[in-house]
Protein backbone atom coordinates (compact mmCIF):
# COMPACT_ATOMS: atom_id res chain seq x y z
CA MET A 1 -29.10 -76.25 98.99
CA PHE A 2 -31.15 -73.12 98.76
CA TYR A 3 -28.87 -71.30 101.09
CA VAL A 4 -25.82 -72.15 99.08
CA ASP A 5 -27.16 -71.10 95.61
CA LEU A 6 -28.36 -67.59 96.52
CA PRO A 7 -24.99 -65.85 96.83
CA CYS A 8 -23.92 -67.01 93.36
CA LYS A 9 -26.90 -65.42 91.63
CA PHE A 10 -26.39 -62.15 93.52
CA GLU A 11 -22.74 -61.97 92.47
CA THR A 12 -23.60 -62.47 88.74
CA THR A 13 -26.23 -59.75 88.90
CA MET A 14 -23.79 -57.24 90.37
CA LYS A 15 -21.26 -57.87 87.58
CA ILE A 16 -23.84 -57.28 84.85
CA ASN A 17 -25.06 -53.99 86.39
CA HIS A 18 -21.48 -52.64 86.62
CA SER A 19 -20.97 -53.06 82.80
CA TYR A 20 -24.21 -51.26 82.02
CA ILE A 21 -23.19 -48.37 84.18
CA ILE A 22 -19.87 -47.95 82.37
CA ALA A 23 -21.56 -48.09 78.91
CA GLY A 24 -24.19 -45.61 79.96
CA LEU A 25 -21.62 -43.17 81.26
CA ALA A 26 -19.74 -43.36 77.91
CA VAL A 27 -22.92 -42.64 75.95
CA LEU A 28 -23.74 -39.74 78.22
CA ILE A 29 -20.28 -38.18 77.79
CA ILE A 30 -20.43 -38.46 74.01
CA GLY A 31 -23.88 -36.90 73.94
CA LEU A 32 -22.78 -33.99 76.09
CA TRP A 33 -19.79 -33.39 73.73
CA PHE A 34 -22.09 -33.11 70.69
CA VAL A 35 -24.46 -30.79 72.56
CA VAL A 36 -21.63 -28.48 73.62
CA ASN A 37 -20.06 -28.31 70.13
CA SER A 38 -23.37 -27.73 68.34
CA GLY A 39 -24.34 -24.77 70.49
CA PRO A 40 -23.98 -20.99 69.82
CA GLY A 41 -20.46 -20.98 71.10
CA SER A 42 -19.48 -23.53 68.52
CA ALA A 43 -20.98 -21.47 65.70
CA ASN A 44 -19.02 -18.46 66.84
CA ALA A 45 -15.89 -20.49 66.90
CA ILE A 46 -16.43 -21.67 63.32
CA GLY A 47 -17.32 -18.19 62.16
CA SER A 48 -14.29 -16.72 63.81
CA GLY A 49 -12.19 -19.33 62.01
CA SER A 50 -13.45 -18.26 58.48
CA ALA A 51 -13.23 -14.53 59.06
CA PRO A 52 -9.46 -14.27 58.52
CA SER A 53 -9.68 -15.92 55.08
CA GLU A 54 -12.37 -13.44 53.97
CA ASP A 55 -10.32 -10.54 55.24
CA ARG A 56 -7.29 -11.84 53.39
CA ALA A 57 -9.38 -12.04 50.17
CA ARG A 58 -10.54 -8.47 50.59
CA GLU A 59 -7.03 -7.28 51.30
CA ALA A 60 -5.43 -9.05 48.21
CA PRO A 61 -3.37 -6.50 46.16
CA LEU A 62 -4.68 -5.32 42.76
CA PRO A 63 -2.65 -6.27 39.66
CA THR A 64 -0.17 -3.60 38.64
CA VAL A 65 0.13 -2.17 35.12
CA VAL A 66 2.35 0.55 33.68
CA VAL A 67 0.52 3.40 31.95
CA GLU A 68 1.57 6.39 29.87
CA ARG A 69 -0.48 9.48 29.20
CA ARG A 70 -1.07 10.00 25.49
CA VAL A 71 -2.77 13.15 24.14
CA ALA A 72 -4.25 13.40 20.61
CA GLN A 73 -2.24 15.49 18.15
CA THR A 74 -2.78 16.80 14.64
CA HIS A 75 -1.24 14.46 12.10
CA PRO A 76 -1.79 14.00 8.35
CA GLN A 77 -3.70 10.93 7.35
CA VAL A 78 -1.45 8.68 5.27
CA LEU A 79 -2.87 6.30 2.69
CA GLN A 80 -0.61 3.35 2.02
CA LEU A 81 -1.16 2.06 -1.51
CA TYR A 82 0.49 -0.68 -3.51
CA GLY A 83 1.18 -0.19 -7.20
CA ARG A 84 3.75 -0.58 -9.96
CA THR A 85 5.95 1.57 -12.16
CA GLU A 86 5.18 2.10 -15.83
CA PRO A 87 6.73 4.07 -18.72
CA ASN A 88 5.23 7.46 -19.40
CA ARG A 89 4.72 6.24 -22.98
CA THR A 90 5.33 3.05 -24.91
CA VAL A 91 5.83 3.83 -28.60
CA ASN A 92 5.91 1.35 -31.48
CA VAL A 93 7.86 3.28 -34.13
CA SER A 94 6.60 2.39 -37.64
CA ALA A 95 7.93 2.84 -41.17
CA LYS A 96 6.44 5.67 -43.22
CA VAL A 97 7.53 4.38 -46.63
CA SER A 98 8.05 0.94 -48.09
CA GLY A 99 11.54 -0.48 -48.39
CA VAL A 100 14.03 -3.10 -47.30
CA VAL A 101 15.76 -2.63 -43.94
CA ILE A 102 19.49 -2.28 -44.49
CA SER A 103 20.56 -1.15 -40.98
CA THR A 104 19.46 -1.23 -37.32
CA PRO A 105 21.84 1.24 -35.62
CA VAL A 106 20.57 0.85 -32.02
CA SER A 107 20.67 -2.28 -29.88
CA GLU A 108 17.97 -3.28 -27.42
CA GLY A 109 18.41 -1.69 -24.01
CA GLU A 110 20.33 1.35 -25.28
CA ARG A 111 19.27 4.90 -24.53
CA VAL A 112 18.01 6.85 -27.51
CA LYS A 113 17.45 10.54 -27.97
CA LEU A 114 14.79 12.29 -29.99
CA ALA A 115 15.31 11.69 -33.77
CA THR A 116 17.80 8.83 -33.27
CA PRO A 117 17.55 6.42 -36.29
CA LEU A 118 16.21 3.02 -35.30
CA CYS A 119 15.89 1.43 -38.76
CA VAL A 120 17.33 2.54 -42.11
CA GLN A 121 15.70 1.40 -45.36
CA ASP A 122 17.22 1.03 -48.82
CA VAL A 123 17.91 4.45 -50.39
CA ALA A 124 18.62 3.52 -54.01
CA ALA A 125 15.08 3.74 -55.36
CA ARG A 126 14.29 6.90 -53.37
CA GLU A 127 17.41 8.65 -54.65
CA ALA A 128 16.44 7.78 -58.23
CA VAL A 129 12.94 9.18 -57.74
CA LEU A 130 14.41 12.38 -56.29
CA ALA A 131 16.85 12.76 -59.19
CA GLU A 132 14.00 12.31 -61.69
CA ALA A 133 11.89 14.93 -59.93
CA LYS A 134 14.73 17.42 -59.91
CA ALA A 135 15.38 16.87 -63.64
CA ASN A 136 11.70 17.46 -64.42
CA LEU A 137 11.79 20.65 -62.37
CA ARG A 138 14.76 22.00 -64.35
CA SER A 139 12.95 21.23 -67.60
CA ARG A 140 9.86 23.12 -66.43
CA GLU A 141 11.98 26.09 -65.40
CA PHE A 142 13.59 26.26 -68.89
CA ASP A 143 10.22 26.03 -70.61
CA LEU A 144 8.85 28.77 -68.40
CA GLN A 145 11.75 31.14 -69.15
CA SER A 146 11.45 30.53 -72.94
CA THR A 147 7.71 31.06 -72.91
CA GLN A 148 8.05 34.29 -70.94
CA THR A 149 10.35 35.65 -73.71
CA LEU A 150 7.98 34.60 -76.48
CA VAL A 151 4.98 36.05 -74.67
CA SER A 152 6.77 39.40 -74.30
CA LYS A 153 7.37 39.45 -78.07
CA GLY A 154 3.83 38.38 -78.87
CA TYR A 155 4.64 34.93 -80.14
CA ARG A 156 2.85 33.07 -77.31
CA SER A 157 -0.36 33.74 -75.47
CA PRO A 158 -0.44 34.57 -71.76
CA ILE A 159 -2.56 31.46 -71.20
CA GLN A 160 0.33 29.24 -72.23
CA LEU A 161 2.56 31.07 -69.77
CA GLU A 162 0.15 30.45 -66.88
CA ASN A 163 -0.05 26.78 -67.82
CA LEU A 164 3.72 26.44 -67.67
CA LYS A 165 3.78 28.14 -64.26
CA ALA A 166 1.35 25.55 -62.94
CA GLN A 167 3.49 22.72 -64.34
CA MET A 168 6.57 24.15 -62.65
CA ASP A 169 4.77 24.33 -59.30
CA ALA A 170 3.84 20.66 -59.69
CA ALA A 171 7.46 19.81 -60.46
CA LYS A 172 8.59 21.59 -57.29
CA ALA A 173 6.05 19.61 -55.28
CA SER A 174 7.34 16.37 -56.79
CA VAL A 175 10.88 17.25 -55.72
CA LYS A 176 9.74 18.02 -52.18
CA ARG A 177 7.74 14.78 -51.94
CA ALA A 178 10.68 12.74 -53.20
CA GLN A 179 12.97 14.44 -50.69
CA VAL A 180 10.57 13.67 -47.81
CA GLU A 181 10.31 10.03 -48.84
CA LEU A 182 14.08 9.82 -49.03
CA ASP A 183 14.33 11.27 -45.52
CA ASN A 184 11.68 8.84 -44.29
CA ILE A 185 13.80 5.81 -45.06
CA ARG A 186 15.35 6.59 -41.67
CA VAL A 187 12.83 5.45 -39.04
CA ILE A 188 13.62 7.71 -36.06
CA SER A 189 12.66 7.77 -32.38
CA PRO A 190 9.91 10.28 -31.53
CA VAL A 191 10.97 10.52 -27.84
CA ASN A 192 13.91 10.29 -25.48
CA GLY A 193 13.87 6.82 -24.00
CA ILE A 194 15.11 3.26 -24.04
CA MET A 195 15.18 0.96 -27.05
CA ALA A 196 13.06 -1.86 -25.65
CA LEU A 197 12.48 -4.15 -28.64
CA GLN A 198 13.84 -4.49 -32.16
CA MET A 199 10.82 -5.48 -34.25
CA ALA A 200 12.38 -5.48 -37.76
CA GLU A 201 15.60 -7.16 -38.82
CA ILE A 202 18.05 -6.39 -41.61
CA GLY A 203 16.74 -7.63 -44.95
CA GLU A 204 13.09 -7.45 -43.92
CA PHE A 205 10.74 -5.49 -46.17
CA LEU A 206 8.69 -2.87 -44.34
CA SER A 207 5.48 -1.41 -45.67
CA PRO A 208 4.11 1.94 -44.44
CA GLY A 209 2.73 1.49 -40.92
CA GLN A 210 4.69 -1.68 -40.18
CA PRO A 211 6.62 -1.42 -36.85
CA CYS A 212 10.37 -1.17 -36.74
CA ALA A 213 11.11 -0.89 -32.98
CA ARG A 214 9.57 -0.23 -29.56
CA VAL A 215 10.78 2.65 -27.41
CA LEU A 216 9.94 3.31 -23.74
CA GLU A 217 9.75 6.88 -22.49
CA LEU A 218 10.91 6.66 -18.86
CA ASP A 219 11.21 10.33 -17.96
CA PRO A 220 9.02 10.92 -16.12
CA LEU A 221 8.39 7.45 -14.73
CA ILE A 222 4.77 6.72 -13.83
CA VAL A 223 3.70 4.95 -10.64
CA VAL A 224 0.20 3.50 -10.97
CA ALA A 225 -1.94 2.75 -7.90
CA ASP A 226 -5.64 2.18 -7.29
CA LEU A 227 -7.80 4.26 -4.94
CA THR A 228 -10.92 2.86 -3.31
CA GLU A 229 -14.25 4.66 -3.35
CA THR A 230 -13.64 6.02 0.17
CA GLN A 231 -10.04 7.09 -0.53
CA VAL A 232 -10.52 8.92 -3.81
CA ARG A 233 -12.30 11.87 -2.19
CA ASP A 234 -9.21 12.71 -0.10
CA VAL A 235 -6.67 12.69 -2.96
CA LYS A 236 -6.13 15.69 -5.23
CA LEU A 237 -3.96 16.40 -8.25
CA GLY A 238 -0.56 17.68 -7.16
CA HIS A 239 -0.47 15.77 -3.87
CA VAL A 240 3.12 14.88 -2.97
CA THR A 241 3.85 11.22 -2.24
CA ASP A 242 6.71 9.16 -0.87
CA ILE A 243 7.34 5.98 -2.84
CA GLU A 244 9.42 2.96 -1.90
CA LEU A 245 10.36 0.66 -4.77
CA ALA A 246 10.99 -3.05 -4.48
CA THR A 247 14.46 -2.43 -5.96
CA GLY A 248 15.38 -0.40 -2.87
CA GLU A 249 15.06 3.17 -4.08
CA THR A 250 12.94 5.74 -2.22
CA VAL A 251 11.63 8.55 -4.41
CA THR A 252 9.14 11.42 -4.35
CA GLY A 253 6.40 12.08 -6.88
CA LYS A 254 3.24 14.07 -7.53
CA VAL A 255 -0.25 12.87 -8.38
CA SER A 256 -0.76 13.71 -12.07
CA PHE A 257 -3.92 11.81 -12.97
CA ILE A 258 -7.01 10.39 -11.24
CA ASP A 259 -9.44 8.44 -13.37
CA ALA A 260 -12.91 9.95 -13.56
CA GLN A 261 -14.56 6.51 -13.67
CA SER A 262 -13.87 3.46 -11.54
CA ASP A 263 -12.97 0.05 -12.89
CA PRO A 264 -16.27 -1.89 -13.04
CA ALA A 265 -14.54 -5.08 -11.90
CA THR A 266 -12.71 -3.69 -8.84
CA ARG A 267 -14.59 -0.43 -8.13
CA THR A 268 -11.24 1.35 -7.84
CA PHE A 269 -9.88 4.45 -9.55
CA ARG A 270 -6.61 4.35 -11.49
CA THR A 271 -4.22 6.97 -10.15
CA GLU A 272 -0.93 8.00 -11.74
CA ILE A 273 2.02 9.60 -9.95
CA GLN A 274 4.87 11.20 -11.91
CA VAL A 275 8.42 10.60 -10.68
CA PRO A 276 11.42 12.43 -12.22
CA ASN A 277 13.81 9.98 -13.90
CA SER A 278 16.17 12.00 -16.07
CA ASP A 279 19.01 9.49 -15.72
CA PHE A 280 16.72 6.50 -16.45
CA ALA A 281 17.99 4.82 -13.27
CA LEU A 282 14.45 3.77 -12.26
CA LYS A 283 12.96 0.82 -14.10
CA ALA A 284 9.44 0.13 -15.32
CA GLY A 285 7.45 -2.83 -14.04
CA VAL A 286 8.68 -2.59 -10.42
CA THR A 287 6.40 -3.05 -7.40
CA ALA A 288 5.93 0.20 -5.47
CA THR A 289 4.60 1.11 -2.03
CA VAL A 290 3.02 4.57 -2.06
CA ARG A 291 2.57 6.68 1.09
CA LEU A 292 0.16 9.46 0.20
CA LYS A 293 -0.47 12.21 2.75
CA THR A 294 -3.99 13.66 2.71
CA ARG A 295 -5.97 15.74 5.24
CA ASP A 296 -4.91 16.46 8.85
CA ILE A 297 -6.80 14.63 11.62
CA GLN A 298 -6.51 14.11 15.40
CA ALA A 299 -4.57 10.94 16.23
CA HIS A 300 -2.46 9.29 18.96
CA TYR A 301 1.11 8.09 18.58
CA ILE A 302 1.51 4.75 20.41
CA PRO A 303 4.03 1.90 20.54
CA SER A 304 3.02 -0.80 18.08
CA LYS A 305 3.69 -3.48 20.72
CA VAL A 306 0.58 -2.47 22.73
CA LEU A 307 -1.82 -3.47 19.96
CA ALA A 308 -4.07 -6.35 21.02
CA LEU A 309 -7.09 -8.31 19.83
CA SER A 310 -10.48 -8.20 21.49
CA ASP A 311 -12.64 -11.27 21.99
CA GLN A 312 -14.41 -10.32 18.76
CA GLY A 313 -11.12 -10.14 16.84
CA GLN A 314 -10.94 -6.33 16.69
CA VAL A 315 -7.54 -4.65 16.69
CA GLY A 316 -7.20 -2.12 19.49
CA VAL A 317 -5.51 -1.17 22.76
CA ARG A 318 -6.24 -1.38 26.49
CA TYR A 319 -6.34 1.80 28.58
CA LEU A 320 -7.62 2.96 31.98
CA ASP A 321 -10.67 5.08 32.72
CA THR A 322 -10.90 7.52 35.64
CA ASP A 323 -11.68 4.65 38.08
CA ASP A 324 -8.52 2.69 37.10
CA THR A 325 -10.70 0.15 35.30
CA VAL A 326 -9.35 -1.54 32.19
CA ARG A 327 -11.13 -0.57 28.96
CA PHE A 328 -10.63 -1.63 25.33
CA SER A 329 -10.90 0.63 22.27
CA GLU A 330 -10.73 -0.40 18.64
CA VAL A 331 -8.24 1.74 16.69
CA THR A 332 -7.53 2.52 13.04
CA PRO A 333 -3.88 2.96 11.94
CA ILE A 334 -3.24 6.02 9.73
CA ASP A 335 0.57 6.15 9.69
CA GLU A 336 3.59 4.36 11.12
CA ASP A 337 7.35 4.46 11.43
CA SER A 338 10.04 2.28 12.98
CA ASP A 339 9.24 3.45 16.54
CA GLY A 340 5.46 3.44 16.65
CA ILE A 341 2.14 3.91 14.96
CA TRP A 342 -0.42 6.72 14.62
CA VAL A 343 -4.00 5.62 15.32
CA THR A 344 -7.49 7.05 15.68
CA GLY A 345 -10.28 5.81 17.94
CA LEU A 346 -8.96 6.66 21.42
CA PRO A 347 -10.21 9.36 23.83
CA ASP A 348 -8.32 12.62 23.38
CA ASP A 349 -6.53 12.26 26.74
CA THR A 350 -5.74 8.59 27.34
CA ARG A 351 -3.87 6.64 30.01
CA LEU A 352 -2.51 3.92 27.80
CA ILE A 353 -1.43 0.58 29.31
CA VAL A 354 2.07 0.00 27.97
CA GLN A 355 3.12 -2.91 30.23
CA GLY A 356 1.01 -5.68 31.70
CA GLN A 357 -1.86 -5.33 29.22
CA ASP A 358 -1.72 -9.03 28.41
CA PHE A 359 -2.34 -10.02 32.04
CA VAL A 360 -5.46 -8.00 32.81
CA SER A 361 -8.97 -8.34 31.45
CA VAL A 362 -11.40 -5.65 30.34
CA GLY A 363 -13.50 -4.45 33.29
CA ALA A 364 -10.93 -5.34 35.95
CA ARG A 365 -9.61 -2.73 38.40
CA VAL A 366 -5.86 -2.38 38.55
CA ALA A 367 -3.15 -0.44 40.34
CA PRO A 368 -1.58 1.89 37.74
CA LYS A 369 2.06 2.81 37.78
CA THR A 370 2.77 5.91 35.73
CA SER A 371 5.69 5.90 33.33
CA PRO A 372 6.91 9.11 31.66
CA PRO A 373 5.90 8.95 27.98
CA GLY A 374 8.55 8.94 25.31
CA GLU A 375 8.92 11.89 23.02
CA LEU A 376 5.86 11.95 20.80
CA ALA A 377 6.49 12.01 17.08
CA GLN A 378 5.62 15.34 15.53
């Protein structure tokens, strides 16, 4: 029995040892693989794999922008003001004597010349007063002549003659006063202008000082604007201005008045500009935009499309420094036209970014492409 069982145990033992050997060899191979791949050679391989991506990053092209060279030029500073047109004078024409209005010869809106009748009062009473004064004057003249004859013959004293002379002078004055009052029944315009408002109607009784009509003197027309405390120092009497009216007309005027004291509420100075208006084509009460040229300053002429906002909300432009780095400068507009705008605040000689400014940030380096500048406005 013993002899038979021994081979069976030996065979089982051999099978178990063969499995262990295979498992051990697998573990050994895996371990060697990790050792080889974690060594210096492996690190070099990984490093060599990342190097191309870093090189590609360093070799990435810079963003391209288009720049134009802009040089500062002398240009007048232009103040843009907003105002309104007004009559040179507004006159309420009043009656000088009492009387009933019997005629209003001029209609509202009509042009009137100096001395044009606006209201005519009743003449009957004034004519009677004048006739009475003239009759009294003739009586005094007869008495004076008779007394002169009697004085020459010694029948009257010289004192009586002097008294009659004084009475005759008073009679002459009465005639003149009556004539003036008769003339004053015609209420006339004191200026050339426009009949703006009929203030007395036919049949109405006017006392001295009571208004008959309102007349607007429109030649010259006055444009009124307000200057701030910083602007008023640059504006002088006689300065020529360009004015655009809301009605479409463009006219030229001269500064004729600058208030010596500011308005306490607004801290601005009333300024008046005279505009010729001989044909009365320009109307009062119209909104006006005034462009007033003052002193000459150094400024740049740039396209208005390049204006941008900084992170702080400042209005300015982007330009390049000598290292092709993007910079931002706040600017102040002083004048403009349909093609561009004049600004201050840039370096005298500036490479202005005219294309691509919205796609680059301040401080970034770029690849500039130079574009020939357009003809600068003179």
